[in-house]
Amino acid sequence: MMKPPSLHALRILLADDHAVVRMGFRLLLEGAGAEVVGEADCGEAAVQAFGQLHPDVLLMDVSMPGIGGLGALERVLAHHPAARVLMLSAHDDAQIPARALRAGAGGYLSKRAHPDELLHAVATVARGQRYIDPAIAPALALAQFAGGGDPVAALTEKEFAVFLQLARGRSVAEIAETHSLSPSTVGTHLYHIKQKLEVSNAAELALVAVRCGLIEV
């Protein structure tokens, strides 16, 4: 492991729904010289805080309440195309990092990474360079060429976002409200999701998500 970089004067916004995790990140980042300018515990709060604080780097968990990390990433970049966002996840699958990077994230890191690796990732993204966790890079590369082996690879970005919400037990009405969509639009996405994944109910959707490593039981 290389010597941890200095993050002197970097302004960072933390977005994670676990207060203890945010505290750990804050201590680590501030110990390296960064300034944590704000914290958010859901996707909507992350979007709002970014617009108010304009941090150098947004450090954001993929799995959060509301629109989640991917939904927040999409909204932040829609309003701030130059935003530098490092996404974090406890999951090891290749689907979510692939979609996050396609959506414009500057980097992706597993929460299982060494603390020094987090500092390197933040420094890299702050410079405007792409960072991909070395532990998942091979799987991510393979996923680009063998998408057919992953059943959810056929879903569009919108369908994937709805699929994750449904797999976590949220209703069509809740998803419609969270994503500012009409229930009929969510219903259309659900129809296409079921067709593509060859499932017939919410339980089967959840099972697919578990098998793909997208949610934990």
Protein backbone atom coordinates (compact mmCIF):
# COMPACT_ATOMS: atom_id res chain seq x y z
CA MET A 1 0.00 0.00 0.00
CA MET A 2 1.36 3.42 -0.99
CA LYS A 3 1.65 6.25 1.52
CA PRO A 4 -1.81 7.80 2.09
CA PRO A 5 -2.20 11.07 0.17
CA SER A 6 -2.86 14.42 1.81
CA LEU A 7 -6.38 15.73 1.26
CA HIS A 8 -5.48 19.20 2.54
CA ALA A 9 -8.20 21.81 1.91
CA LEU A 10 -10.49 19.40 0.04
CA ARG A 11 -14.17 20.09 0.85
CA ILE A 12 -16.13 16.84 1.08
CA LEU A 13 -19.82 16.02 1.45
CA LEU A 14 -20.67 12.65 3.03
CA ALA A 15 -23.86 10.78 2.11
CA ASP A 16 -24.63 7.54 3.96
CA ASP A 17 -27.70 6.51 5.93
CA HIS A 18 -25.65 5.15 8.86
CA ALA A 19 -24.47 7.81 11.31
CA VAL A 20 -21.67 5.60 12.67
CA VAL A 21 -20.32 5.06 9.15
CA ARG A 22 -20.40 8.80 8.44
CA MET A 23 -18.52 9.42 11.69
CA GLY A 24 -15.83 6.93 10.68
CA PHE A 25 -15.45 8.54 7.26
CA ARG A 26 -15.33 12.01 8.82
CA LEU A 27 -12.53 11.04 11.22
CA LEU A 28 -10.53 9.38 8.46
CA LEU A 29 -10.93 12.23 5.98
CA GLU A 30 -10.31 15.03 8.47
CA GLY A 31 -7.25 13.14 9.71
CA ALA A 32 -5.90 13.39 6.16
CA GLY A 33 -6.50 17.15 6.04
CA ALA A 34 -9.90 17.32 4.33
CA GLU A 35 -12.85 19.39 5.52
CA VAL A 36 -16.19 17.59 5.77
CA VAL A 37 -18.60 20.40 4.92
CA GLY A 38 -21.82 18.44 5.34
CA GLU A 39 -23.58 15.11 5.77
CA ALA A 40 -26.70 13.55 4.27
CA ASP A 41 -28.62 10.40 5.23
CA CYS A 42 -30.69 9.83 2.07
CA GLY A 43 -30.54 10.48 -1.66
CA GLU A 44 -32.77 13.56 -1.62
CA ALA A 45 -30.75 15.15 1.20
CA ALA A 46 -27.53 14.50 -0.73
CA VAL A 47 -28.88 16.29 -3.80
CA GLN A 48 -30.05 19.26 -1.74
CA ALA A 49 -26.81 19.49 0.24
CA PHE A 50 -24.68 19.34 -2.89
CA GLY A 51 -26.58 22.26 -4.40
CA GLN A 52 -26.09 24.31 -1.24
CA LEU A 53 -22.48 23.41 -0.40
CA HIS A 54 -20.81 22.71 -3.78
CA PRO A 55 -18.16 20.36 -2.32
CA ASP A 56 -15.03 19.29 -4.17
CA VAL A 57 -16.06 15.64 -3.80
CA LEU A 58 -19.34 13.93 -2.90
CA LEU A 59 -18.66 10.63 -1.13
CA MET A 60 -21.93 8.69 -1.44
CA ASP A 61 -23.25 5.25 -0.56
CA VAL A 62 -25.23 3.43 -3.24
CA SER A 63 -27.81 1.97 -0.84
CA MET A 64 -29.73 4.75 0.89
CA PRO A 65 -33.42 5.49 1.56
CA GLY A 66 -35.51 7.45 -0.93
CA ILE A 67 -34.11 7.68 -4.43
CA GLY A 68 -30.91 5.98 -3.28
CA GLY A 69 -27.36 6.71 -4.34
CA LEU A 70 -27.83 6.05 -8.05
CA GLY A 71 -30.91 8.26 -8.19
CA ALA A 72 -29.08 11.00 -6.31
CA LEU A 73 -26.08 10.66 -8.63
CA GLU A 74 -28.32 11.18 -11.65
CA ARG A 75 -29.93 14.30 -10.16
CA VAL A 76 -26.67 15.84 -8.97
CA LEU A 77 -25.04 15.43 -12.39
CA ALA A 78 -28.15 16.73 -14.17
CA HIS A 79 -27.77 20.04 -12.31
CA HIS A 80 -23.99 20.00 -11.80
CA PRO A 81 -22.34 18.17 -14.74
CA ALA A 82 -18.83 18.82 -13.39
CA ALA A 83 -19.60 17.25 -9.98
CA ARG A 84 -17.00 14.78 -8.75
CA VAL A 85 -18.69 11.84 -7.07
CA LEU A 86 -17.14 8.76 -5.48
CA MET A 87 -19.70 5.99 -4.96
CA LEU A 88 -19.39 3.43 -2.17
CA SER A 89 -21.09 0.07 -1.66
CA ALA A 90 -20.99 -2.94 0.61
CA HIS A 91 -21.90 -5.19 -2.34
CA ASP A 92 -19.38 -6.92 -4.60
CA ASP A 93 -21.49 -7.31 -7.74
CA ALA A 94 -20.46 -5.66 -11.01
CA GLN A 95 -23.89 -4.34 -12.07
CA ILE A 96 -24.12 -1.39 -9.69
CA PRO A 97 -20.58 -0.06 -10.23
CA ALA A 98 -20.99 -0.44 -13.99
CA ARG A 99 -24.20 1.58 -13.92
CA ALA A 100 -22.76 4.18 -11.54
CA LEU A 101 -19.73 4.73 -13.79
CA ARG A 102 -21.92 4.89 -16.91
CA ALA A 103 -24.10 7.46 -15.15
CA GLY A 104 -21.06 9.67 -14.60
CA ALA A 105 -19.60 8.76 -11.21
CA GLY A 106 -15.93 9.62 -10.93
CA GLY A 107 -15.15 6.45 -9.05
CA TYR A 108 -16.40 3.40 -7.21
CA LEU A 109 -15.06 1.79 -4.05
CA SER A 110 -16.14 -1.16 -1.92
CA LYS A 111 -16.72 -0.44 1.76
CA ARG A 112 -14.50 -3.46 2.43
CA ALA A 113 -11.48 -1.56 1.09
CA HIS A 114 -8.55 -0.56 3.30
CA PRO A 115 -8.93 2.98 4.77
CA ASP A 116 -5.86 4.15 2.86
CA GLU A 117 -7.55 3.01 -0.35
CA LEU A 118 -10.47 5.34 0.42
CA LEU A 119 -8.08 8.27 0.74
CA HIS A 120 -6.43 7.39 -2.58
CA ALA A 121 -9.86 7.11 -4.20
CA VAL A 122 -10.98 10.51 -2.90
CA ALA A 123 -7.72 12.15 -4.01
CA THR A 124 -7.98 10.57 -7.47
CA VAL A 125 -11.60 11.64 -8.02
CA ALA A 126 -10.83 15.15 -6.70
CA ARG A 127 -8.20 15.47 -9.47
CA GLY A 128 -10.87 14.69 -12.03
CA GLN A 129 -9.53 11.19 -12.72
CA ARG A 130 -11.46 7.92 -12.79
CA TYR A 131 -11.03 5.53 -9.86
CA ILE A 132 -12.18 1.89 -9.82
CA ASP A 133 -11.67 -0.36 -6.80
CA PRO A 134 -8.88 -2.83 -7.78
CA ALA A 135 -10.82 -5.62 -6.06
CA ILE A 136 -13.78 -5.33 -8.44
CA ALA A 137 -12.02 -4.08 -11.58
CA PRO A 138 -11.61 -7.58 -13.14
CA ALA A 139 -15.28 -8.47 -12.57
CA LEU A 140 -16.31 -5.08 -13.91
CA ALA A 141 -14.27 -5.57 -17.06
CA LEU A 142 -15.74 -9.02 -17.61
CA ALA A 143 -19.25 -7.68 -17.10
CA GLN A 144 -18.78 -5.31 -20.04
CA PHE A 145 -18.17 -8.27 -22.37
CA ALA A 146 -20.40 -10.89 -20.80
CA GLY A 147 -23.53 -8.94 -19.90
CA GLY A 148 -25.67 -11.82 -21.07
CA GLY A 149 -24.68 -13.81 -18.01
CA ASP A 150 -26.36 -11.30 -15.70
CA PRO A 151 -30.16 -11.28 -15.90
CA VAL A 152 -30.51 -7.64 -14.86
CA ALA A 153 -28.03 -6.40 -17.49
CA ALA A 154 -30.92 -6.16 -19.97
CA LEU A 155 -32.72 -3.54 -17.86
CA THR A 156 -32.50 0.14 -18.79
CA GLU A 157 -31.19 2.59 -16.18
CA LYS A 158 -34.75 3.63 -15.22
CA GLU A 159 -35.92 0.02 -15.08
CA PHE A 160 -32.93 -0.93 -12.95
CA ALA A 161 -33.69 1.86 -10.46
CA VAL A 162 -37.34 0.75 -10.20
CA PHE A 163 -36.27 -2.90 -9.96
CA LEU A 164 -34.03 -2.19 -6.95
CA GLN A 165 -36.82 -0.34 -5.18
CA LEU A 166 -39.34 -3.12 -5.86
CA ALA A 167 -36.88 -5.79 -4.75
CA ARG A 168 -36.49 -3.94 -1.45
CA GLY A 169 -40.22 -4.16 -0.84
CA ARG A 170 -41.41 -0.71 -1.89
CA SER A 171 -44.82 -0.32 -3.53
CA VAL A 172 -45.54 1.17 -6.96
CA ALA A 173 -47.13 4.21 -5.29
CA GLU A 174 -44.09 4.78 -3.05
CA ILE A 175 -41.69 4.50 -5.98
CA ALA A 176 -43.81 6.88 -8.07
CA GLU A 177 -43.75 9.49 -5.30
CA THR A 178 -40.02 9.09 -4.60
CA HIS A 179 -38.96 9.36 -8.25
CA SER A 180 -41.57 11.98 -9.23
CA LEU A 181 -43.20 9.60 -11.70
CA SER A 182 -46.82 8.70 -12.31
CA PRO A 183 -47.95 5.30 -10.98
CA SER A 184 -48.78 4.28 -14.55
CA THR A 185 -45.19 5.00 -15.64
CA VAL A 186 -43.83 2.88 -12.78
CA GLY A 187 -46.36 0.21 -13.73
CA THR A 188 -45.05 0.24 -17.30
CA HIS A 189 -41.48 -0.15 -16.03
CA LEU A 190 -42.64 -3.02 -13.82
CA TYR A 191 -44.26 -4.76 -16.78
CA HIS A 192 -41.04 -4.53 -18.82
CA ILE A 193 -38.96 -5.66 -15.84
CA LYS A 194 -41.10 -8.76 -15.37
CA GLN A 195 -40.91 -9.54 -19.08
CA LYS A 196 -37.13 -9.19 -19.24
CA LEU A 197 -36.44 -11.09 -16.01
CA GLU A 198 -39.16 -13.67 -16.62
CA VAL A 199 -40.70 -13.24 -13.18
CA SER A 200 -44.34 -12.84 -12.15
CA ASN A 201 -44.37 -11.30 -8.66
CA ALA A 202 -42.48 -9.22 -6.10
CA ALA A 203 -41.05 -12.26 -4.31
CA GLU A 204 -39.41 -13.48 -7.51
CA LEU A 205 -38.04 -9.98 -8.16
CA ALA A 206 -36.45 -9.99 -4.72
CA LEU A 207 -35.00 -13.44 -5.33
CA VAL A 208 -33.34 -12.27 -8.55
CA ALA A 209 -31.86 -9.28 -6.70
CA VAL A 210 -30.50 -11.52 -3.94
CA ARG A 211 -28.99 -13.99 -6.43
CA CYS A 212 -27.29 -11.12 -8.26
CA GLY A 213 -25.85 -9.79 -5.00
CA LEU A 214 -27.81 -6.53 -5.24
CA ILE A 215 -29.58 -6.85 -1.90
CA GLU A 216 -28.90 -8.83 1.25
CA VAL A 217 -31.35 -11.16 3.00
